[in-house]
Protein backbone atom coordinates (compact mmCIF):
# COMPACT_ATOMS: atom_id res chain seq x y z
CA UNK A 1 -18.00 -1.10 18.56
CA UNK A 2 -19.46 1.02 15.79
CA UNK A 3 -19.17 4.49 14.33
CA UNK A 4 -22.36 5.77 12.69
CA UNK A 5 -24.19 2.56 13.61
CA UNK A 6 -22.18 0.33 11.28
CA UNK A 7 -20.05 -2.59 12.44
CA UNK A 8 -16.55 -2.43 11.01
CA UNK A 9 -13.33 -4.36 11.44
CA UNK A 10 -11.93 -3.74 14.93
CA UNK A 11 -8.94 -1.72 13.70
CA UNK A 12 -11.27 0.83 12.04
CA UNK A 13 -13.50 1.50 15.05
CA UNK A 14 -11.37 3.93 17.06
CA UNK A 15 -10.94 6.89 14.72
CA UNK A 16 -13.21 8.57 12.15
CA UNK A 17 -10.35 8.80 9.62
CA UNK A 18 -9.70 5.06 9.93
CA UNK A 19 -13.42 4.36 9.58
CA UNK A 20 -13.63 6.49 6.43
CA UNK A 21 -10.57 4.78 4.94
CA UNK A 22 -11.96 1.35 5.85
CA UNK A 23 -15.37 2.10 4.37
CA UNK A 24 -14.22 3.68 1.12
CA UNK A 25 -10.82 2.17 0.28
CA UNK A 26 -9.46 -0.71 2.34
CA UNK A 27 -10.09 -4.00 0.62
CA UNK A 28 -11.57 -2.47 -2.52
CA UNK A 29 -9.93 -4.22 -5.49
CA UNK A 30 -7.51 -1.74 -7.09
CA UNK A 31 -6.62 -2.43 -10.73
CA UNK A 32 -4.86 0.81 -11.67
CA UNK A 33 -1.09 0.22 -11.89
CA UNK A 34 -0.11 3.69 -10.69
CA UNK A 35 -2.55 3.62 -7.78
CA UNK A 36 -1.25 0.19 -6.77
CA UNK A 37 2.30 1.54 -6.83
CA UNK A 38 1.33 4.58 -4.74
CA UNK A 39 -0.33 2.41 -2.12
CA UNK A 40 2.69 0.09 -2.01
CA UNK A 41 4.96 3.09 -1.42
CA UNK A 42 2.74 4.33 1.41
CA UNK A 43 2.73 0.87 2.99
CA UNK A 44 6.53 0.94 2.84
CA UNK A 45 6.53 4.24 4.72
CA UNK A 46 4.18 2.72 7.29
CA UNK A 47 6.74 0.09 8.33
CA UNK A 48 7.25 0.46 12.07
CA UNK A 49 4.48 3.04 12.43
CA UNK A 50 0.72 3.06 12.89
CA UNK A 51 -1.31 3.25 9.68
CA UNK A 52 -3.21 6.27 11.04
CA UNK A 53 0.10 8.18 10.92
CA UNK A 54 0.36 7.57 7.17
CA UNK A 55 -3.30 8.41 6.57
CA UNK A 56 -2.87 11.73 8.36
CA UNK A 57 0.18 12.50 6.24
CA UNK A 58 -1.09 11.09 2.93
CA UNK A 59 -1.83 14.46 1.33
CA UNK A 60 1.63 15.71 2.29
CA UNK A 61 3.17 12.53 0.84
CA UNK A 62 1.27 13.08 -2.40
CA UNK A 63 2.52 16.66 -2.60
CA UNK A 64 6.12 15.70 -1.76
CA UNK A 65 6.15 12.83 -4.29
CA UNK A 66 4.51 14.72 -7.17
CA UNK A 67 1.21 12.87 -6.89
CA UNK A 68 3.17 9.61 -6.89
CA UNK A 69 3.84 9.98 -10.59
CA UNK A 70 6.54 7.35 -11.18
CA UNK A 71 8.03 9.26 -14.14
CA UNK A 72 8.61 12.33 -11.97
CA UNK A 73 9.69 10.47 -8.84
CA UNK A 74 12.23 8.42 -10.82
CA UNK A 75 14.01 11.68 -11.72
CA UNK A 76 14.34 12.85 -8.11
CA UNK A 77 17.88 13.47 -6.96
CA UNK A 78 19.76 14.36 -3.81
CA UNK A 79 18.27 17.88 -3.66
CA UNK A 80 14.78 16.37 -3.67
CA UNK A 81 15.77 13.92 -0.94
CA UNK A 82 17.16 16.78 1.16
CA UNK A 83 13.93 18.75 0.70
CA UNK A 84 11.86 15.78 1.81
CA UNK A 85 14.08 15.19 4.83
CA UNK A 86 13.15 18.73 5.92
CA UNK A 87 9.42 18.16 5.28
CA UNK A 88 7.68 17.59 8.63
CA UNK A 89 4.50 16.66 6.75
CA UNK A 90 5.89 13.25 5.77
CA UNK A 91 7.84 10.46 7.43
CA UNK A 92 11.41 11.70 7.15
CA UNK A 93 13.32 8.49 6.64
CA UNK A 94 16.16 8.73 4.13
CA UNK A 95 16.02 4.97 3.50
CA UNK A 96 12.29 5.04 2.76
CA UNK A 97 12.52 8.17 0.60
CA UNK A 98 15.40 6.73 -1.42
CA UNK A 99 13.58 3.40 -1.69
CA UNK A 100 10.53 5.17 -3.14
CA UNK A 101 12.69 6.83 -5.78
CA UNK A 102 14.32 3.51 -6.62
CA UNK A 103 10.93 1.82 -6.64
CA UNK A 104 9.70 4.35 -9.20
CA UNK A 105 12.60 3.33 -11.41
CA UNK A 106 11.83 -0.36 -10.86
CA UNK A 107 8.16 0.26 -11.70
CA UNK A 108 9.15 2.05 -14.92
CA UNK A 109 11.59 -0.73 -15.83
CA UNK A 110 8.77 -3.22 -15.55
CA UNK A 111 6.53 -1.03 -17.68
CA UNK A 112 9.24 -0.45 -20.28
CA UNK A 113 9.78 -4.23 -20.48
CA UNK A 114 6.07 -4.66 -21.24
CA UNK A 115 5.15 -5.89 -17.77
CA UNK A 116 1.98 -4.21 -16.49
CA UNK A 117 2.26 -3.70 -12.73
CA UNK A 118 -1.42 -4.44 -12.10
CA UNK A 119 -1.40 -7.64 -14.16
CA UNK A 120 1.82 -8.67 -12.43
CA UNK A 121 0.54 -8.28 -8.86
CA UNK A 122 -2.95 -9.64 -9.53
CA UNK A 123 -1.31 -12.72 -11.06
CA UNK A 124 -0.23 -13.73 -7.56
CA UNK A 125 -3.91 -14.22 -6.61
CA UNK A 126 -5.04 -15.57 -9.98
CA UNK A 127 -6.79 -12.28 -10.77
CA UNK A 128 -9.38 -12.47 -7.98
CA UNK A 129 -9.38 -11.45 -4.33
CA UNK A 130 -8.47 -14.17 -1.85
CA UNK A 131 -11.13 -14.20 0.85
CA UNK A 132 -9.81 -14.78 4.35
CA UNK A 133 -11.80 -16.60 6.99
CA UNK A 134 -12.74 -13.37 8.81
CA UNK A 135 -11.36 -14.72 12.08
CA UNK A 136 -7.57 -15.00 11.91
CA UNK A 137 -5.53 -11.82 11.63
CA UNK A 138 -2.73 -12.86 9.30
CA UNK A 139 0.38 -10.76 8.76
CA UNK A 140 1.75 -12.67 5.77
CA UNK A 141 0.83 -15.46 3.40
CA UNK A 142 2.52 -17.66 0.81
CA UNK A 143 1.27 -15.23 -1.85
CA UNK A 144 2.74 -12.21 -0.04
CA UNK A 145 6.03 -14.06 0.38
CA UNK A 146 6.15 -14.92 -3.33
CA UNK A 147 5.11 -11.43 -4.40
CA UNK A 148 7.65 -9.86 -2.04
CA UNK A 149 10.42 -12.00 -3.52
CA UNK A 150 9.35 -11.16 -7.08
CA UNK A 151 9.27 -7.42 -6.31
CA UNK A 152 12.72 -7.59 -4.71
CA UNK A 153 14.00 -9.45 -7.76
CA UNK A 154 12.81 -6.51 -9.86
CA UNK A 155 14.69 -4.04 -7.65
CA UNK A 156 11.98 -2.92 -5.20
CA UNK A 157 12.83 -2.13 -1.57
CA UNK A 158 10.70 -1.94 1.59
CA UNK A 159 8.56 -4.73 0.18
CA UNK A 160 8.98 -7.52 2.72
CA UNK A 161 6.21 -10.11 2.99
CA UNK A 162 4.50 -8.37 5.93
CA UNK A 163 4.40 -4.99 4.14
CA UNK A 164 3.24 -6.70 0.97
CA UNK A 165 0.48 -8.56 2.83
CA UNK A 166 -0.83 -5.33 4.38
CA UNK A 167 -0.77 -3.76 0.92
CA UNK A 168 -2.58 -6.77 -0.58
CA UNK A 169 -5.30 -6.27 2.04
CA UNK A 170 -5.50 -2.53 1.36
CA UNK A 171 -5.72 -3.02 -2.40
CA UNK A 172 -8.30 -5.80 -2.29
CA UNK A 173 -6.07 -8.62 -3.46
CA UNK A 174 -7.01 -10.16 -0.11
CA UNK A 175 -10.38 -9.66 1.58
CA UNK A 176 -9.63 -9.87 5.28
CA UNK A 177 -12.63 -7.98 6.59
CA UNK A 178 -13.77 -9.53 9.84
CA UNK A 179 -16.81 -11.80 9.91
CA UNK A 180 -19.14 -9.19 11.45
CA UNK A 181 -17.87 -6.31 9.28
CA UNK A 182 -20.42 -4.79 6.93
CA UNK A 183 -17.77 -4.75 4.14
CA UNK A 184 -17.01 -8.47 4.30
CA UNK A 185 -16.89 -9.85 0.77
CA UNK A 186 -18.39 -6.60 -0.54
CA UNK A 187 -15.48 -5.98 -2.96
């Protein structure tokens, strides 16, 4: 039920790394455009896998993707893709790797058009976290569906409404901490 005597969301109770991530990051409102983009890319890699897999590989992802610097990632080519496909430290999915490179370009296109990524995504929740009821475990919402569609329109991939909803939770656009969780509505 608890790690270190603190009640957390159920998903964060089984592993110390999940508990640490839950306590320090998950649901904390993120306003930095680059950090939001990095987290969206990691959520895309998580598709079909357990989040703990991505957490365990996060440092390797950061190394492979140049600290998730969109300027650098946007310049990656086939040699970089081949190197990453040989990197056992990350999820070696060509589609997800190529999507991340394309998503860096989409992110930069938004920026170059004067569209701040943080302002854009936070606009889908009117600038403030949406607080869930603490009971239902949603996997998508009207906001995640709209945001997913808007990201796809801008050229993003691996941004379906379920991935986007998980990312919205992780980045604090949605507060879905469970009712008995010590982080509920803590921001």
